[in-house]
C-alpha atoms as a PDB file:
ATOM      1  CA  MET A   1     221.440   5.285 108.920  1.00  0.00           C
ATOM      2  CA  ILE A   2     223.472   4.683 112.054  1.00  0.00           C
ATOM      3  CA  ASP A   3     221.637   3.704 115.247  1.00  0.00           C
ATOM      4  CA  LEU A   4     223.085   5.256 118.400  1.00  0.00           C
ATOM      5  CA  ALA A   5     222.001   4.337 121.902  1.00  0.00           C
ATOM      6  CA  VAL A   6     221.659   7.140 124.438  1.00  0.00           C
ATOM      7  CA  TYR A   7     222.723   6.229 127.977  1.00  0.00           C
ATOM      8  CA  ASN A   8     222.337   7.865 131.362  1.00  0.00           C
ATOM      9  CA  ILE A   9     225.281   8.348 133.692  1.00  0.00           C
ATOM     10  CA  ASP A  10     224.635   4.892 135.210  1.00  0.00           C
ATOM     11  CA  GLY A  11     225.219   3.225 131.841  1.00  0.00           C
ATOM     12  CA  GLN A  12     221.556   2.331 131.238  1.00  0.00           C
ATOM     13  CA  LYS A  13     220.006   2.846 127.802  1.00  0.00           C
ATOM     14  CA  VAL A  14     217.291   5.498 127.995  1.00  0.00           C
ATOM     15  CA  ASP A  15     216.837   6.560 124.374  1.00  0.00           C
ATOM     16  CA  SER A  16     218.174   6.094 120.843  1.00  0.00           C
ATOM     17  CA  LEU A  17     219.066   8.259 117.871  1.00  0.00           C
ATOM     18  CA  LYS A  18     219.278   7.588 114.141  1.00  0.00           C
ATOM     19  CA  VAL A  19     222.064   9.451 112.434  1.00  0.00           C
ATOM     20  CA  ASP A  20     222.245   9.863 108.675  1.00  0.00           C
ATOM     21  CA  GLU A  21     225.779   9.464 107.300  1.00  0.00           C
ATOM     22  CA  ALA A  22     224.963  12.256 104.831  1.00  0.00           C
ATOM     23  CA  ALA A  23     225.010  14.687 107.767  1.00  0.00           C
ATOM     24  CA  PHE A  24     228.781  14.070 107.902  1.00  0.00           C
ATOM     25  CA  GLY A  25     229.414  14.091 104.173  1.00  0.00           C
ATOM     26  CA  GLY A  26     228.367  10.507 103.440  1.00  0.00           C
ATOM     27  CA  SER A  27     231.939   9.171 103.229  1.00  0.00           C
ATOM     28  CA  ILE A  28     235.320   9.681 104.866  1.00  0.00           C
ATOM     29  CA  ARG A  29     237.532  12.092 102.916  1.00  0.00           C
ATOM     30  CA  HIS A  30     240.928  10.614 103.772  1.00  0.00           C
ATOM     31  CA  PRO A  31     243.149  13.120 101.874  1.00  0.00           C
ATOM     32  CA  LEU A  32     241.341  16.063 103.480  1.00  0.00           C
ATOM     33  CA  LEU A  33     241.501  14.398 106.889  1.00  0.00           C
ATOM     34  CA  LYS A  34     245.259  13.883 106.539  1.00  0.00           C
ATOM     35  CA  GLN A  35     245.749  17.517 105.533  1.00  0.00           C
ATOM     36  CA  ALA A  36     243.823  18.658 108.625  1.00  0.00           C
ATOM     37  CA  ILE A  37     245.869  16.417 110.940  1.00  0.00           C
ATOM     38  CA  VAL A  38     249.166  17.649 109.455  1.00  0.00           C
ATOM     39  CA  MET A  39     247.968  21.232 109.975  1.00  0.00           C
ATOM     40  CA  TYR A  40     246.942  20.404 113.565  1.00  0.00           C
ATOM     41  CA  HIS A  41     250.406  19.110 114.463  1.00  0.00           C
ATOM     42  CA  ALA A  42     252.214  21.872 112.541  1.00  0.00           C
ATOM     43  CA  ASN A  43     250.256  24.552 114.408  1.00  0.00           C
ATOM     44  CA  LYS A  44     251.340  23.054 117.729  1.00  0.00           C
ATOM     45  CA  ARG A  45     255.031  23.547 116.901  1.00  0.00           C
ATOM     46  CA  VAL A  46     256.539  26.506 118.734  1.00  0.00           C
ATOM     47  CA  GLY A  47     259.388  27.226 116.315  1.00  0.00           C
ATOM     48  CA  THR A  48     261.443  29.308 118.782  1.00  0.00           C
ATOM     49  CA  ALA A  49     264.649  27.210 118.630  1.00  0.00           C
ATOM     50  CA  ALA A  50     267.546  29.443 117.627  1.00  0.00           C
ATOM     51  CA  THR A  51     271.359  29.303 117.704  1.00  0.00           C
ATOM     52  CA  LYS A  52     274.032  31.891 116.869  1.00  0.00           C
ATOM     53  CA  SER A  53     275.695  31.806 113.505  1.00  0.00           C
ATOM     54  CA  ARG A  54     279.305  32.987 112.962  1.00  0.00           C
ATOM     55  CA  GLY A  55     277.951  36.425 112.159  1.00  0.00           C
ATOM     56  CA  MET A  56     276.297  36.705 115.594  1.00  0.00           C
ATOM     57  CA  VAL A  57     279.137  35.715 117.951  1.00  0.00           C
ATOM     58  CA  ALA A  58     281.767  38.103 119.291  1.00  0.00           C
ATOM     59  CA  GLY A  59     285.231  38.098 117.749  1.00  0.00           C
ATOM     60  CA  ALA A  60     287.340  39.746 115.088  1.00  0.00           C
ATOM     61  CA  GLY A  61     287.033  38.841 111.424  1.00  0.00           C
ATOM     62  CA  LYS A  62     290.801  38.788 110.935  1.00  0.00           C
ATOM     63  CA  LYS A  63     292.498  35.557 109.841  1.00  0.00           C
ATOM     64  CA  LEU A  64     294.266  34.074 112.926  1.00  0.00           C
ATOM     65  CA  PHE A  65     297.594  33.579 111.131  1.00  0.00           C
ATOM     66  CA  ARG A  66     298.910  33.551 107.614  1.00  0.00           C
ATOM     67  CA  GLN A  67     297.961  30.792 105.237  1.00  0.00           C
ATOM     68  CA  LYS A  68     301.445  29.322 104.654  1.00  0.00           C
ATOM     69  CA  GLY A  69     304.762  29.026 106.386  1.00  0.00           C
ATOM     70  CA  THR A  70     303.673  28.308 109.975  1.00  0.00           C
ATOM     71  CA  GLY A  71     303.413  24.502 109.773  1.00  0.00           C
ATOM     72  CA  ASN A  72     299.859  24.671 111.112  1.00  0.00           C
ATOM     73  CA  ALA A  73     296.659  23.754 109.367  1.00  0.00           C
ATOM     74  CA  ARG A  74     295.086  26.694 107.576  1.00  0.00           C
ATOM     75  CA  VAL A  75     292.375  28.491 109.572  1.00  0.00           C
ATOM     76  CA  GLY A  76     290.001  31.364 109.140  1.00  0.00           C
ATOM     77  CA  ASN A  77     288.855  33.804 111.818  1.00  0.00           C
ATOM     78  CA  ILE A  78     288.047  32.991 115.437  1.00  0.00           C
ATOM     79  CA  ARG A  79     284.289  32.955 114.824  1.00  0.00           C
ATOM     80  CA  THR A  80     284.337  29.903 112.562  1.00  0.00           C
ATOM     81  CA  GLY A  81     282.141  26.977 113.568  1.00  0.00           C
ATOM     82  CA  LYS A  82     285.169  24.696 113.920  1.00  0.00           C
ATOM     83  CA  ARG A  83     286.536  26.575 116.939  1.00  0.00           C
ATOM     84  CA  VAL A  84     285.331  26.581 120.548  1.00  0.00           C
ATOM     85  CA  GLY A  85     283.205  29.663 121.112  1.00  0.00           C
ATOM     86  CA  GLY A  86     282.596  30.102 117.405  1.00  0.00           C
ATOM     87  CA  GLY A  87     279.251  30.294 115.685  1.00  0.00           C
ATOM     88  CA  VAL A  88     277.117  27.309 114.718  1.00  0.00           C
ATOM     89  CA  THR A  89     277.305  26.114 111.125  1.00  0.00           C
ATOM     90  CA  PHE A  90     273.846  26.222 109.538  1.00  0.00           C
ATOM     91  CA  ALA A  91     272.472  27.909 112.654  1.00  0.00           C
ATOM     92  CA  LYS A  92     268.810  27.455 113.552  1.00  0.00           C
ATOM     93  CA  THR A  93     266.541  30.467 113.287  1.00  0.00           C
ATOM     94  CA  THR A  94     263.028  31.095 114.584  1.00  0.00           C
ATOM     95  CA  ARG A  95     260.339  29.808 112.233  1.00  0.00           C
ATOM     96  CA  ASP A  96     256.582  29.928 111.912  1.00  0.00           C
ATOM     97  CA  PHE A  97     255.311  26.425 111.116  1.00  0.00           C
ATOM     98  CA  ARG A  98     251.630  27.391 111.032  1.00  0.00           C
ATOM     99  CA  GLN A  99     249.472  26.123 108.190  1.00  0.00           C
ATOM    100  CA  ARG A 100     246.023  27.250 107.064  1.00  0.00           C
ATOM    101  CA  MET A 101     242.943  25.581 105.658  1.00  0.00           C
ATOM    102  CA  PRO A 102     239.725  27.217 104.460  1.00  0.00           C
ATOM    103  CA  LYS A 103     236.863  27.118 106.951  1.00  0.00           C
ATOM    104  CA  LYS A 104     234.749  24.812 104.762  1.00  0.00           C
ATOM    105  CA  GLN A 105     237.608  22.333 104.423  1.00  0.00           C
ATOM    106  CA  ARG A 106     238.190  22.324 108.183  1.00  0.00           C
ATOM    107  CA  LYS A 107     234.497  21.563 108.733  1.00  0.00           C
ATOM    108  CA  LEU A 108     234.517  18.750 106.147  1.00  0.00           C
ATOM    109  CA  ALA A 109     237.632  17.262 107.783  1.00  0.00           C
ATOM    110  CA  ARG A 110     235.967  17.464 111.208  1.00  0.00           C
ATOM    111  CA  ASP A 111     232.861  15.723 109.839  1.00  0.00           C
ATOM    112  CA  SER A 112     235.002  12.997 108.267  1.00  0.00           C
ATOM    113  CA  ALA A 113     236.741  12.408 111.596  1.00  0.00           C
ATOM    114  CA  ILE A 114     233.408  12.112 113.422  1.00  0.00           C
ATOM    115  CA  LEU A 115     232.049   9.779 110.736  1.00  0.00           C
ATOM    116  CA  ALA A 116     235.123   7.564 111.113  1.00  0.00           C
ATOM    117  CA  LYS A 117     234.425   7.313 114.854  1.00  0.00           C
ATOM    118  CA  LEU A 118     230.757   6.515 114.203  1.00  0.00           C
ATOM    119  CA  LEU A 119     231.548   3.778 111.683  1.00  0.00           C
ATOM    120  CA  GLY A 120     234.132   2.338 114.091  1.00  0.00           C
ATOM    121  CA  ASN A 121     231.589   2.187 116.964  1.00  0.00           C
ATOM    122  CA  ASN A 122     233.713   4.584 118.966  1.00  0.00           C
ATOM    123  CA  VAL A 123     231.003   7.140 119.756  1.00  0.00           C
ATOM    124  CA  VAL A 124     229.072   7.063 123.042  1.00  0.00           C
ATOM    125  CA  VAL A 125     226.113   9.353 123.735  1.00  0.00           C
ATOM    126  CA  VAL A 126     224.980  10.295 127.243  1.00  0.00           C
ATOM    127  CA  ASP A 127     221.738  12.125 127.988  1.00  0.00           C
ATOM    128  CA  GLY A 128     223.470  14.698 130.190  1.00  0.00           C
ATOM    129  CA  LEU A 129     226.551  15.474 132.293  1.00  0.00           C
ATOM    130  CA  LYS A 130     225.938  17.759 135.250  1.00  0.00           C
ATOM    131  CA  PHE A 131     228.126  18.242 138.307  1.00  0.00           C
ATOM    132  CA  ASP A 132     227.112  20.269 141.353  1.00  0.00           C
ATOM    133  CA  LYS A 133     230.781  20.562 142.282  1.00  0.00           C
ATOM    134  CA  PRO A 134     234.089  19.354 140.809  1.00  0.00           C
ATOM    135  CA  ARG A 135     234.665  15.710 141.675  1.00  0.00           C
ATOM    136  CA  THR A 136     237.066  13.561 139.662  1.00  0.00           C
ATOM    137  CA  LYS A 137     235.933  10.301 141.281  1.00  0.00           C
ATOM    138  CA  ASP A 138     232.359  10.800 140.040  1.00  0.00           C
ATOM    139  CA  PHE A 139     233.560  11.422 136.487  1.00  0.00           C
ATOM    140  CA  VAL A 140     235.737   8.293 136.580  1.00  0.00           C
ATOM    141  CA  ASN A 141     232.704   6.282 137.713  1.00  0.00           C
ATOM    142  CA  ILE A 142     230.627   7.664 134.824  1.00  0.00           C
ATOM    143  CA  LEU A 143     233.293   6.641 132.301  1.00  0.00           C
ATOM    144  CA  SER A 144     233.414   3.198 133.884  1.00  0.00           C
ATOM    145  CA  ASN A 145     229.609   2.845 133.707  1.00  0.00           C
ATOM    146  CA  LEU A 146     229.725   3.764 130.012  1.00  0.00           C
ATOM    147  CA  LYS A 147     232.517   1.173 129.472  1.00  0.00           C
ATOM    148  CA  ILE A 148     235.022   3.791 128.288  1.00  0.00           C
ATOM    149  CA  GLU A 149     238.425   2.401 129.199  1.00  0.00           C
ATOM    150  CA  ARG A 150     240.622   4.063 126.576  1.00  0.00           C
ATOM    151  CA  SER A 151     241.418   7.689 125.775  1.00  0.00           C
ATOM    152  CA  CYS A 152     238.280   9.774 125.364  1.00  0.00           C
ATOM    153  CA  LEU A 153     237.268  13.176 123.993  1.00  0.00           C
ATOM    154  CA  VAL A 154     234.236  14.505 125.869  1.00  0.00           C
ATOM    155  CA  THR A 155     232.138  16.907 123.796  1.00  0.00           C
ATOM    156  CA  ILE A 156     229.654  19.234 125.471  1.00  0.00           C
ATOM    157  CA  GLY A 157     227.278  21.873 124.161  1.00  0.00           C
ATOM    158  CA  ALA A 158     227.928  24.651 126.685  1.00  0.00           C
ATOM    159  CA  GLU A 159     230.713  25.576 129.076  1.00  0.00           C
ATOM    160  CA  ASP A 160     230.644  23.750 132.418  1.00  0.00           C
ATOM    161  CA  ALA A 161     233.439  24.639 134.835  1.00  0.00           C
ATOM    162  CA  ASN A 162     232.624  21.817 137.261  1.00  0.00           C
ATOM    163  CA  LEU A 163     232.716  19.226 134.486  1.00  0.00           C
ATOM    164  CA  CYS A 164     236.031  20.510 133.109  1.00  0.00           C
ATOM    165  CA  LYS A 165     237.638  20.521 136.565  1.00  0.00           C
ATOM    166  CA  SER A 166     236.349  16.996 137.225  1.00  0.00           C
ATOM    167  CA  ALA A 167     238.056  15.723 134.053  1.00  0.00           C
ATOM    168  CA  ASN A 168     241.313  17.665 134.389  1.00  0.00           C
ATOM    169  CA  ASN A 169     243.138  15.032 136.452  1.00  0.00           C
ATOM    170  CA  ILE A 170     242.030  12.000 134.435  1.00  0.00           C
ATOM    171  CA  PRO A 171     244.784  10.787 132.082  1.00  0.00           C
ATOM    172  CA  LYS A 172     243.963  10.751 128.352  1.00  0.00           C
ATOM    173  CA  VAL A 173     240.604  12.491 128.812  1.00  0.00           C
ATOM    174  CA  ALA A 174     239.850  15.957 127.410  1.00  0.00           C
ATOM    175  CA  VAL A 175     236.732  18.137 127.328  1.00  0.00           C
ATOM    176  CA  LEU A 176     235.863  20.320 124.326  1.00  0.00           C
ATOM    177  CA  LEU A 177     232.923  22.455 123.311  1.00  0.00           C
ATOM    178  CA  VAL A 178     231.153  21.565 120.073  1.00  0.00           C
ATOM    179  CA  SER A 179     232.345  24.862 118.596  1.00  0.00           C
ATOM    180  CA  GLN A 180     235.984  23.853 119.308  1.00  0.00           C
ATOM    181  CA  LEU A 181     235.871  20.417 117.670  1.00  0.00           C
ATOM    182  CA  ASN A 182     238.528  19.783 115.043  1.00  0.00           C
ATOM    183  CA  ALA A 183     239.843  16.766 113.145  1.00  0.00           C
ATOM    184  CA  GLY A 184     243.179  16.737 114.981  1.00  0.00           C
ATOM    185  CA  ASP A 185     241.706  16.493 118.471  1.00  0.00           C
ATOM    186  CA  ILE A 186     239.104  13.929 117.381  1.00  0.00           C
ATOM    187  CA  CYS A 187     241.755  11.635 115.883  1.00  0.00           C
ATOM    188  CA  ASN A 188     243.961  11.951 118.973  1.00  0.00           C
ATOM    189  CA  TYR A 189     241.469  10.026 121.122  1.00  0.00           C
ATOM    190  CA  ARG A 190     240.106   6.502 120.760  1.00  0.00           C
ATOM    191  CA  LYS A 191     236.568   7.252 121.969  1.00  0.00           C
ATOM    192  CA  MET A 192     234.213  10.214 121.706  1.00  0.00           C
ATOM    193  CA  LEU A 193     231.650  10.914 124.419  1.00  0.00           C
ATOM    194  CA  PHE A 194     228.888  13.264 123.281  1.00  0.00           C
ATOM    195  CA  THR A 195     226.169  14.708 125.407  1.00  0.00           C
ATOM    196  CA  LYS A 196     222.875  14.369 123.552  1.00  0.00           C
ATOM    197  CA  GLU A 197     222.638  18.159 123.366  1.00  0.00           C
ATOM    198  CA  ALA A 198     226.100  18.400 121.790  1.00  0.00           C
ATOM    199  CA  LEU A 199     225.431  15.708 119.184  1.00  0.00           C
ATOM    200  CA  LEU A 200     222.140  17.300 118.125  1.00  0.00           C
ATOM    201  CA  SER A 201     223.979  20.607 117.857  1.00  0.00           C
ATOM    202  CA  VAL A 202     226.510  19.078 115.442  1.00  0.00           C
ATOM    203  CA  LEU A 203     223.842  17.342 113.392  1.00  0.00           C
ATOM    204  CA  GLY A 204     221.235  20.064 113.302  1.00  0.00           C
ATOM    205  CA  LYS A 205     217.613  19.405 114.170  1.00  0.00           C
ATOM    206  CA  ASP A 206     216.722  18.138 110.708  1.00  0.00           C
ATOM    207  CA  GLN A 207     219.519  15.564 110.478  1.00  0.00           C
ATOM    208  CA  ALA A 208     218.806  13.362 113.508  1.00  0.00           C
ATOM    209  CA  SER A 209     215.648  11.491 114.422  1.00  0.00           C
ATOM    210  CA  GLU A 210     214.750  10.142 117.823  1.00  0.00           C
ATOM    211  CA  ASN A 211     213.089   6.787 118.496  1.00  0.00           C
END
């Protein structure tokens, strides 16, 4: 069992949770985690780079001059890649780099990523994050109170526009809903900040016990 302290926004311990590693698969599945991260980065690639091949540029297909007897080096038509204005040799074409993983594998990879953060003491739990209005300074102060000085992925249970706007201008800080969590985003950040509601949502009511 992993003991997690629950803090308020002032950085004071107000509660604690016991988390069973079995809720996240019991062990870190490194091959599956790597596959999920490779998929995450592949799916971010746009793949729209394209250049014109010799078949796409304007120009006649006739040989510029005869092969022998001119004293010049032999040449082909004007569209060859060796000439200015010609096509590109081995031209780039648009590609789809997207990869897929079954839903169950994606969930197992996500759980492995969270477990890795838990075992590395890189998970912080706060009892709640509520903002009456967007205010970046207040969010920075909360992170400081919780001693989060590195990149951080904030995980919440329900959409909160004021919270998202408050975090938008803070470098290396992102806000995600529990339903949007994935192994790639989790591994991109050093720390994870869960609201208590969000963590219980991931675990399920039967997997976490409160002290």
